[in-house]
Amino acid sequence: SAGGAGDADVDPWTLLGVKTGADADAVKLALNRKRLLYKTEPEKFAKFEVAYDRIVAMSLAARLKGDMSGVDKTILKADKVSLFGPWAPIPCKSPMKDIRINVAISLIATLLTFMAPSTLRTMQPTIYACILQIFRMFVKLADVDPGPSANIDKDAATKHNNKRLLRAFSLILGSFSVGLFVLYWIPNFIFETFALQVPVEYLLMQEVWVSLILGVGMAYLTCFYR
């Protein structure tokens, strides 16, 4: 088609918004961003997949000539095991619309905590925010990596969906649990065990500060990683 011919003449690097010769990690990250941006417009996203395929083909041709600059870092470092293995967060920026929603969820939770009477503050709003961020991460994973079609292979699609859900829980709930343990439970345990004199102002605002820090952390993960 005329549109396809026109897209073929466009520099694939420019189309994906990466500098010429960028490594495989940057190119895949750019494609994931476009996938999220055009998730409701597959016909518009198609040209970015074509650009990605062209870059992969050019990178393969370069590798055949001995140029390894465009090879995925995970391939070059395949003999090194990541600290978190396959569960390590992978950079993946969300569209601005989703970023605003994720940030708003965390800010609202912190605001609700702050507005509660100082003697009745709990971490409950932040826990609800954590549940929402898990759902947001799950939706993001589904957009970035749709997986097998349920119409073709129902078992494979179900397995892939379960892995996405488990990853969403491990990233968000795992981070939330570690943060809550370090910022809230451990300090309170130390205060009570050693009968430390803690400023009343700190105790009255503790839930607010912990909610803010955890909220920022969860929103950052959901916005910029998968």
C-alpha atoms as a PDB file:
ATOM      1  CA  SER A   1       0.000   0.000   0.000  1.00  0.00           C
ATOM      2  CA  ALA A   2       0.981   3.660  -0.335  1.00  0.00           C
ATOM      3  CA  GLY A   3       1.196   4.018   3.454  1.00  0.00           C
ATOM      4  CA  GLY A   4       3.353   0.891   3.755  1.00  0.00           C
ATOM      5  CA  ALA A   5       5.666   2.141   1.012  1.00  0.00           C
ATOM      6  CA  GLY A   6       5.945   5.480   2.773  1.00  0.00           C
ATOM      7  CA  ASP A   7       6.795   3.814   6.089  1.00  0.00           C
ATOM      8  CA  ALA A   8       9.461   1.746   4.359  1.00  0.00           C
ATOM      9  CA  ASP A   9      11.247   4.961   3.316  1.00  0.00           C
ATOM     10  CA  VAL A  10      11.301   6.284   6.907  1.00  0.00           C
ATOM     11  CA  ASP A  11      14.428   5.653   8.963  1.00  0.00           C
ATOM     12  CA  PRO A  12      13.368   2.910  11.456  1.00  0.00           C
ATOM     13  CA  TRP A  13      15.528   4.410  14.202  1.00  0.00           C
ATOM     14  CA  THR A  14      13.782   7.770  13.820  1.00  0.00           C
ATOM     15  CA  LEU A  15      10.361   6.113  13.702  1.00  0.00           C
ATOM     16  CA  LEU A  16      10.967   4.366  17.039  1.00  0.00           C
ATOM     17  CA  GLY A  17      12.514   7.486  18.536  1.00  0.00           C
ATOM     18  CA  VAL A  18      15.970   6.057  19.305  1.00  0.00           C
ATOM     19  CA  LYS A  19      19.385   7.186  18.139  1.00  0.00           C
ATOM     20  CA  THR A  20      20.911   5.353  15.187  1.00  0.00           C
ATOM     21  CA  GLY A  21      22.877   2.334  16.359  1.00  0.00           C
ATOM     22  CA  ALA A  22      21.178   2.145  19.767  1.00  0.00           C
ATOM     23  CA  ASP A  23      21.588  -1.234  21.444  1.00  0.00           C
ATOM     24  CA  ALA A  24      18.899  -3.922  21.499  1.00  0.00           C
ATOM     25  CA  ASP A  25      17.771  -2.999  25.014  1.00  0.00           C
ATOM     26  CA  ALA A  26      16.963   0.587  24.005  1.00  0.00           C
ATOM     27  CA  VAL A  27      15.206  -0.536  20.823  1.00  0.00           C
ATOM     28  CA  LYS A  28      13.011  -3.059  22.668  1.00  0.00           C
ATOM     29  CA  LEU A  29      12.221  -0.453  25.315  1.00  0.00           C
ATOM     30  CA  ALA A  30      11.140   1.990  22.594  1.00  0.00           C
ATOM     31  CA  LEU A  31       8.925  -0.667  20.982  1.00  0.00           C
ATOM     32  CA  ASN A  32       7.275  -1.457  24.332  1.00  0.00           C
ATOM     33  CA  ARG A  33       6.527   2.234  24.825  1.00  0.00           C
ATOM     34  CA  LYS A  34       4.878   2.403  21.408  1.00  0.00           C
ATOM     35  CA  ARG A  35       2.906  -0.768  22.177  1.00  0.00           C
ATOM     36  CA  LEU A  36       1.512   0.816  25.328  1.00  0.00           C
ATOM     37  CA  LEU A  37       0.832   4.125  23.569  1.00  0.00           C
ATOM     38  CA  TYR A  38      -1.064   2.523  20.686  1.00  0.00           C
ATOM     39  CA  LYS A  39      -2.606  -0.450  22.494  1.00  0.00           C
ATOM     40  CA  THR A  40      -6.092   0.509  21.224  1.00  0.00           C
ATOM     41  CA  GLU A  41      -4.858   1.281  17.692  1.00  0.00           C
ATOM     42  CA  PRO A  42      -3.126  -1.859  16.363  1.00  0.00           C
ATOM     43  CA  GLU A  43      -3.163  -0.580  12.782  1.00  0.00           C
ATOM     44  CA  LYS A  44      -1.022   2.416  13.827  1.00  0.00           C
ATOM     45  CA  PHE A  45       1.270   0.240  15.943  1.00  0.00           C
ATOM     46  CA  ALA A  46       2.009  -2.061  12.982  1.00  0.00           C
ATOM     47  CA  LYS A  47       4.480   0.402  11.438  1.00  0.00           C
ATOM     48  CA  PHE A  48       6.564   0.367  14.636  1.00  0.00           C
ATOM     49  CA  GLU A  49       6.747  -3.432  14.541  1.00  0.00           C
ATOM     50  CA  VAL A  50       7.946  -3.181  10.940  1.00  0.00           C
ATOM     51  CA  ALA A  51      10.586  -0.645  11.993  1.00  0.00           C
ATOM     52  CA  TYR A  52      11.678  -2.947  14.834  1.00  0.00           C
ATOM     53  CA  ASP A  53      11.965  -5.906  12.435  1.00  0.00           C
ATOM     54  CA  ARG A  54      14.077  -3.797  10.063  1.00  0.00           C
ATOM     55  CA  ILE A  55      16.427  -2.827  12.886  1.00  0.00           C
ATOM     56  CA  VAL A  56      16.712  -6.463  14.001  1.00  0.00           C
ATOM     57  CA  ALA A  57      17.549  -7.481  10.412  1.00  0.00           C
ATOM     58  CA  MET A  58      20.185  -4.745  10.147  1.00  0.00           C
ATOM     59  CA  SER A  59      21.660  -5.738  13.531  1.00  0.00           C
ATOM     60  CA  LEU A  60      21.850  -9.367  12.411  1.00  0.00           C
ATOM     61  CA  ALA A  61      23.667  -8.342   9.241  1.00  0.00           C
ATOM     62  CA  ALA A  62      26.094  -6.295  11.334  1.00  0.00           C
ATOM     63  CA  ARG A  63      26.718  -9.203  13.708  1.00  0.00           C
ATOM     64  CA  LEU A  64      27.517 -11.456  10.776  1.00  0.00           C
ATOM     65  CA  LYS A  65      30.274  -8.952   9.974  1.00  0.00           C
ATOM     66  CA  GLY A  66      31.569  -9.089  13.563  1.00  0.00           C
ATOM     67  CA  ASP A  67      29.898  -5.956  14.968  1.00  0.00           C
ATOM     68  CA  MET A  68      28.485  -6.849  18.426  1.00  0.00           C
ATOM     69  CA  SER A  69      27.505  -3.305  19.488  1.00  0.00           C
ATOM     70  CA  GLY A  70      23.796  -3.885  18.848  1.00  0.00           C
ATOM     71  CA  VAL A  71      23.521  -7.234  20.649  1.00  0.00           C
ATOM     72  CA  ASP A  72      21.109  -7.430  23.590  1.00  0.00           C
ATOM     73  CA  LYS A  73      23.045  -7.020  26.870  1.00  0.00           C
ATOM     74  CA  THR A  74      21.193 -10.027  28.313  1.00  0.00           C
ATOM     75  CA  ILE A  75      22.797 -12.152  25.576  1.00  0.00           C
ATOM     76  CA  LEU A  76      26.281 -10.744  26.051  1.00  0.00           C
ATOM     77  CA  LYS A  77      25.991 -11.344  29.813  1.00  0.00           C
ATOM     78  CA  ALA A  78      24.145 -14.662  29.599  1.00  0.00           C
ATOM     79  CA  ASP A  79      26.703 -16.326  31.881  1.00  0.00           C
ATOM     80  CA  LYS A  80      25.985 -13.838  34.678  1.00  0.00           C
ATOM     81  CA  VAL A  81      22.982 -14.480  36.923  1.00  0.00           C
ATOM     82  CA  SER A  82      21.004 -11.404  37.989  1.00  0.00           C
ATOM     83  CA  LEU A  83      20.544 -10.828  41.722  1.00  0.00           C
ATOM     84  CA  PHE A  84      16.790 -11.294  41.279  1.00  0.00           C
ATOM     85  CA  GLY A  85      16.989 -13.677  38.309  1.00  0.00           C
ATOM     86  CA  PRO A  86      14.009 -13.564  35.925  1.00  0.00           C
ATOM     87  CA  TRP A  87      12.002 -11.615  38.538  1.00  0.00           C
ATOM     88  CA  ALA A  88      14.179  -8.523  38.265  1.00  0.00           C
ATOM     89  CA  PRO A  89      12.238  -5.381  37.174  1.00  0.00           C
ATOM     90  CA  ILE A  90      12.624  -4.583  33.469  1.00  0.00           C
ATOM     91  CA  PRO A  91      12.647  -0.920  32.317  1.00  0.00           C
ATOM     92  CA  CYS A  92       9.390  -0.105  30.527  1.00  0.00           C
ATOM     93  CA  LYS A  93       7.993   3.433  30.632  1.00  0.00           C
ATOM     94  CA  SER A  94       4.202   3.827  30.596  1.00  0.00           C
ATOM     95  CA  PRO A  95       2.332   6.437  28.525  1.00  0.00           C
ATOM     96  CA  MET A  96       1.830   9.775  30.298  1.00  0.00           C
ATOM     97  CA  LYS A  97      -1.881   9.048  30.799  1.00  0.00           C
ATOM     98  CA  ASP A  98      -1.089   5.885  32.763  1.00  0.00           C
ATOM     99  CA  ILE A  99       1.680   7.640  34.692  1.00  0.00           C
ATOM    100  CA  ARG A 100      -0.808  10.277  35.870  1.00  0.00           C
ATOM    101  CA  ILE A 101      -3.238   7.590  37.041  1.00  0.00           C
ATOM    102  CA  ASN A 102      -0.555   5.639  38.911  1.00  0.00           C
ATOM    103  CA  VAL A 103       0.758   8.752  40.633  1.00  0.00           C
ATOM    104  CA  ALA A 104      -2.775   9.861  41.505  1.00  0.00           C
ATOM    105  CA  ILE A 105      -3.500   6.521  43.211  1.00  0.00           C
ATOM    106  CA  SER A 106      -0.507   6.918  45.501  1.00  0.00           C
ATOM    107  CA  LEU A 107      -1.126  10.599  46.215  1.00  0.00           C
ATOM    108  CA  ILE A 108      -4.779   9.985  47.103  1.00  0.00           C
ATOM    109  CA  ALA A 109      -3.768   7.224  49.530  1.00  0.00           C
ATOM    110  CA  THR A 110      -1.271   9.558  51.211  1.00  0.00           C
ATOM    111  CA  LEU A 111      -3.823  12.388  51.322  1.00  0.00           C
ATOM    112  CA  LEU A 112      -6.454  10.128  52.928  1.00  0.00           C
ATOM    113  CA  THR A 113      -3.915   9.040  55.527  1.00  0.00           C
ATOM    114  CA  PHE A 114      -3.003  12.657  56.267  1.00  0.00           C
ATOM    115  CA  MET A 115      -6.649  13.747  56.547  1.00  0.00           C
ATOM    116  CA  ALA A 116      -7.478  11.053  59.099  1.00  0.00           C
ATOM    117  CA  PRO A 117      -7.340  12.073  62.781  1.00  0.00           C
ATOM    118  CA  SER A 118      -3.740  11.705  63.984  1.00  0.00           C
ATOM    119  CA  THR A 119      -4.693   9.159  66.654  1.00  0.00           C
ATOM    120  CA  LEU A 120      -6.661   7.020  64.182  1.00  0.00           C
ATOM    121  CA  ARG A 121      -4.232   6.891  61.251  1.00  0.00           C
ATOM    122  CA  THR A 122      -3.508   3.465  59.769  1.00  0.00           C
ATOM    123  CA  MET A 123      -1.793   2.083  56.673  1.00  0.00           C
ATOM    124  CA  GLN A 124      -5.127   0.907  55.244  1.00  0.00           C
ATOM    125  CA  PRO A 125      -5.361   3.532  52.444  1.00  0.00           C
ATOM    126  CA  THR A 126      -1.843   2.588  51.317  1.00  0.00           C
ATOM    127  CA  ILE A 127      -2.758  -1.095  51.362  1.00  0.00           C
ATOM    128  CA  TYR A 128      -5.687  -0.341  49.057  1.00  0.00           C
ATOM    129  CA  ALA A 129      -3.325   1.673  46.847  1.00  0.00           C
ATOM    130  CA  CYS A 130      -1.015  -1.357  46.726  1.00  0.00           C
ATOM    131  CA  ILE A 131      -3.892  -3.551  45.496  1.00  0.00           C
ATOM    132  CA  LEU A 132      -4.731  -1.006  42.782  1.00  0.00           C
ATOM    133  CA  GLN A 133      -1.079  -0.751  41.717  1.00  0.00           C
ATOM    134  CA  ILE A 134      -0.904  -4.544  41.438  1.00  0.00           C
ATOM    135  CA  PHE A 135      -3.902  -4.417  39.109  1.00  0.00           C
ATOM    136  CA  ARG A 136      -2.314  -1.569  37.125  1.00  0.00           C
ATOM    137  CA  MET A 137       0.911  -3.568  36.763  1.00  0.00           C
ATOM    138  CA  PHE A 138      -1.037  -6.642  35.646  1.00  0.00           C
ATOM    139  CA  VAL A 139      -2.822  -4.607  32.950  1.00  0.00           C
ATOM    140  CA  LYS A 140       0.513  -3.145  31.817  1.00  0.00           C
ATOM    141  CA  LEU A 141       2.056  -6.601  31.529  1.00  0.00           C
ATOM    142  CA  ALA A 142      -0.925  -7.756  29.486  1.00  0.00           C
ATOM    143  CA  ASP A 143      -0.502  -4.799  27.122  1.00  0.00           C
ATOM    144  CA  VAL A 144       3.255  -5.218  26.709  1.00  0.00           C
ATOM    145  CA  ASP A 145       3.225  -9.002  26.406  1.00  0.00           C
ATOM    146  CA  PRO A 146      -0.221 -10.289  25.290  1.00  0.00           C
ATOM    147  CA  GLY A 147       1.016 -13.880  25.110  1.00  0.00           C
ATOM    148  CA  PRO A 148      -0.690 -16.810  23.347  1.00  0.00           C
ATOM    149  CA  SER A 149      -4.246 -16.410  22.121  1.00  0.00           C
ATOM    150  CA  ALA A 150      -6.866 -18.215  24.230  1.00  0.00           C
ATOM    151  CA  ASN A 151      -8.676 -19.129  21.001  1.00  0.00           C
ATOM    152  CA  ILE A 152      -5.616 -21.022  19.750  1.00  0.00           C
ATOM    153  CA  ASP A 153      -4.114 -22.481  22.925  1.00  0.00           C
ATOM    154  CA  LYS A 154      -6.266 -21.989  26.015  1.00  0.00           C
ATOM    155  CA  ASP A 155      -3.893 -23.780  28.386  1.00  0.00           C
ATOM    156  CA  ALA A 156      -0.882 -21.755  27.261  1.00  0.00           C
ATOM    157  CA  ALA A 157      -2.878 -18.528  27.502  1.00  0.00           C
ATOM    158  CA  THR A 158      -4.002 -19.383  31.046  1.00  0.00           C
ATOM    159  CA  LYS A 159      -0.460 -20.254  32.102  1.00  0.00           C
ATOM    160  CA  HIS A 160       0.876 -17.006  30.633  1.00  0.00           C
ATOM    161  CA  ASN A 161      -1.867 -15.034  32.373  1.00  0.00           C
ATOM    162  CA  ASN A 162      -1.029 -16.649  35.720  1.00  0.00           C
ATOM    163  CA  LYS A 163       2.651 -15.765  35.259  1.00  0.00           C
ATOM    164  CA  ARG A 164       1.689 -12.147  34.586  1.00  0.00           C
ATOM    165  CA  LEU A 165      -0.418 -12.061  37.750  1.00  0.00           C
ATOM    166  CA  LEU A 166       2.371 -13.626  39.800  1.00  0.00           C
ATOM    167  CA  ARG A 167       4.874 -11.100  38.428  1.00  0.00           C
ATOM    168  CA  ALA A 168       2.565  -8.172  39.238  1.00  0.00           C
ATOM    169  CA  PHE A 169       2.186  -9.442  42.800  1.00  0.00           C
ATOM    170  CA  SER A 170       5.907 -10.126  43.230  1.00  0.00           C
ATOM    171  CA  LEU A 171       6.991  -6.689  41.972  1.00  0.00           C
ATOM    172  CA  ILE A 172       4.446  -4.479  43.725  1.00  0.00           C
ATOM    173  CA  LEU A 173       3.456  -6.487  46.805  1.00  0.00           C
ATOM    174  CA  GLY A 174       7.036  -7.613  47.331  1.00  0.00           C
ATOM    175  CA  SER A 175       8.336  -4.039  47.243  1.00  0.00           C
ATOM    176  CA  PHE A 176       5.472  -2.837  49.434  1.00  0.00           C
ATOM    177  CA  SER A 177       6.099  -5.555  52.040  1.00  0.00           C
ATOM    178  CA  VAL A 178       9.842  -4.900  52.215  1.00  0.00           C
ATOM    179  CA  GLY A 179       9.283  -1.148  52.459  1.00  0.00           C
ATOM    180  CA  LEU A 180       6.629  -1.511  55.160  1.00  0.00           C
ATOM    181  CA  PHE A 181       8.862  -3.833  57.144  1.00  0.00           C
ATOM    182  CA  VAL A 182      11.879  -1.499  56.968  1.00  0.00           C
ATOM    183  CA  LEU A 183      10.083   1.829  57.378  1.00  0.00           C
ATOM    184  CA  TYR A 184       7.293   0.909  59.788  1.00  0.00           C
ATOM    185  CA  TRP A 185       7.573  -2.392  61.611  1.00  0.00           C
ATOM    186  CA  ILE A 186      11.308  -2.346  62.411  1.00  0.00           C
ATOM    187  CA  PRO A 187      11.340   1.247  63.781  1.00  0.00           C
ATOM    188  CA  ASN A 188       8.270   0.562  65.937  1.00  0.00           C
ATOM    189  CA  PHE A 189       9.805  -2.669  67.192  1.00  0.00           C
ATOM    190  CA  ILE A 190      12.993  -0.811  68.154  1.00  0.00           C
ATOM    191  CA  PHE A 191      11.052   1.977  69.858  1.00  0.00           C
ATOM    192  CA  GLU A 192       9.047  -0.478  71.942  1.00  0.00           C
ATOM    193  CA  THR A 193      11.842  -2.942  72.691  1.00  0.00           C
ATOM    194  CA  PHE A 194      14.348  -0.356  73.898  1.00  0.00           C
ATOM    195  CA  ALA A 195      11.738   2.058  75.307  1.00  0.00           C
ATOM    196  CA  LEU A 196      13.176   4.914  73.266  1.00  0.00           C
ATOM    197  CA  GLN A 197      11.885   8.434  73.671  1.00  0.00           C
ATOM    198  CA  VAL A 198      10.483   9.374  70.261  1.00  0.00           C
ATOM    199  CA  PRO A 199       9.147  12.866  69.433  1.00  0.00           C
ATOM    200  CA  VAL A 200       5.359  12.867  69.500  1.00  0.00           C
ATOM    201  CA  GLU A 201       5.308  14.757  66.190  1.00  0.00           C
ATOM    202  CA  TYR A 202       7.105  11.862  64.509  1.00  0.00           C
ATOM    203  CA  LEU A 203       4.731   9.253  65.911  1.00  0.00           C
ATOM    204  CA  LEU A 204       1.666  11.249  64.839  1.00  0.00           C
ATOM    205  CA  MET A 205       3.004  11.668  61.285  1.00  0.00           C
ATOM    206  CA  GLN A 206       4.687   8.265  60.903  1.00  0.00           C
ATOM    207  CA  GLU A 207       1.899   6.698  58.838  1.00  0.00           C
ATOM    208  CA  VAL A 208       1.803   9.734  56.534  1.00  0.00           C
ATOM    209  CA  TRP A 209       5.531   9.642  55.765  1.00  0.00           C
ATOM    210  CA  VAL A 210       5.574   5.875  55.328  1.00  0.00           C
ATOM    211  CA  SER A 211       2.510   6.089  53.071  1.00  0.00           C
ATOM    212  CA  LEU A 212       4.192   8.780  50.957  1.00  0.00           C
ATOM    213  CA  ILE A 213       7.462   6.862  50.552  1.00  0.00           C
ATOM    214  CA  LEU A 214       5.742   3.547  49.760  1.00  0.00           C
ATOM    215  CA  GLY A 215       3.314   5.279  47.393  1.00  0.00           C
ATOM    216  CA  VAL A 216       6.124   6.939  45.458  1.00  0.00           C
ATOM    217  CA  GLY A 217       7.983   3.627  45.237  1.00  0.00           C
ATOM    218  CA  MET A 218       4.969   1.662  43.971  1.00  0.00           C
ATOM    219  CA  ALA A 219       4.008   4.371  41.470  1.00  0.00           C
ATOM    220  CA  TYR A 220       7.594   4.520  40.177  1.00  0.00           C
ATOM    221  CA  LEU A 221       7.694   0.755  39.653  1.00  0.00           C
ATOM    222  CA  THR A 222       4.326   0.702  37.874  1.00  0.00           C
ATOM    223  CA  CYS A 223       5.212   3.706  35.689  1.00  0.00           C
ATOM    224  CA  PHE A 224       8.744   2.818  34.633  1.00  0.00           C
ATOM    225  CA  TYR A 225       9.136  -0.947  34.990  1.00  0.00           C
ATOM    226  CA  ARG A 226       7.440  -4.229  34.237  1.00  0.00           C
END
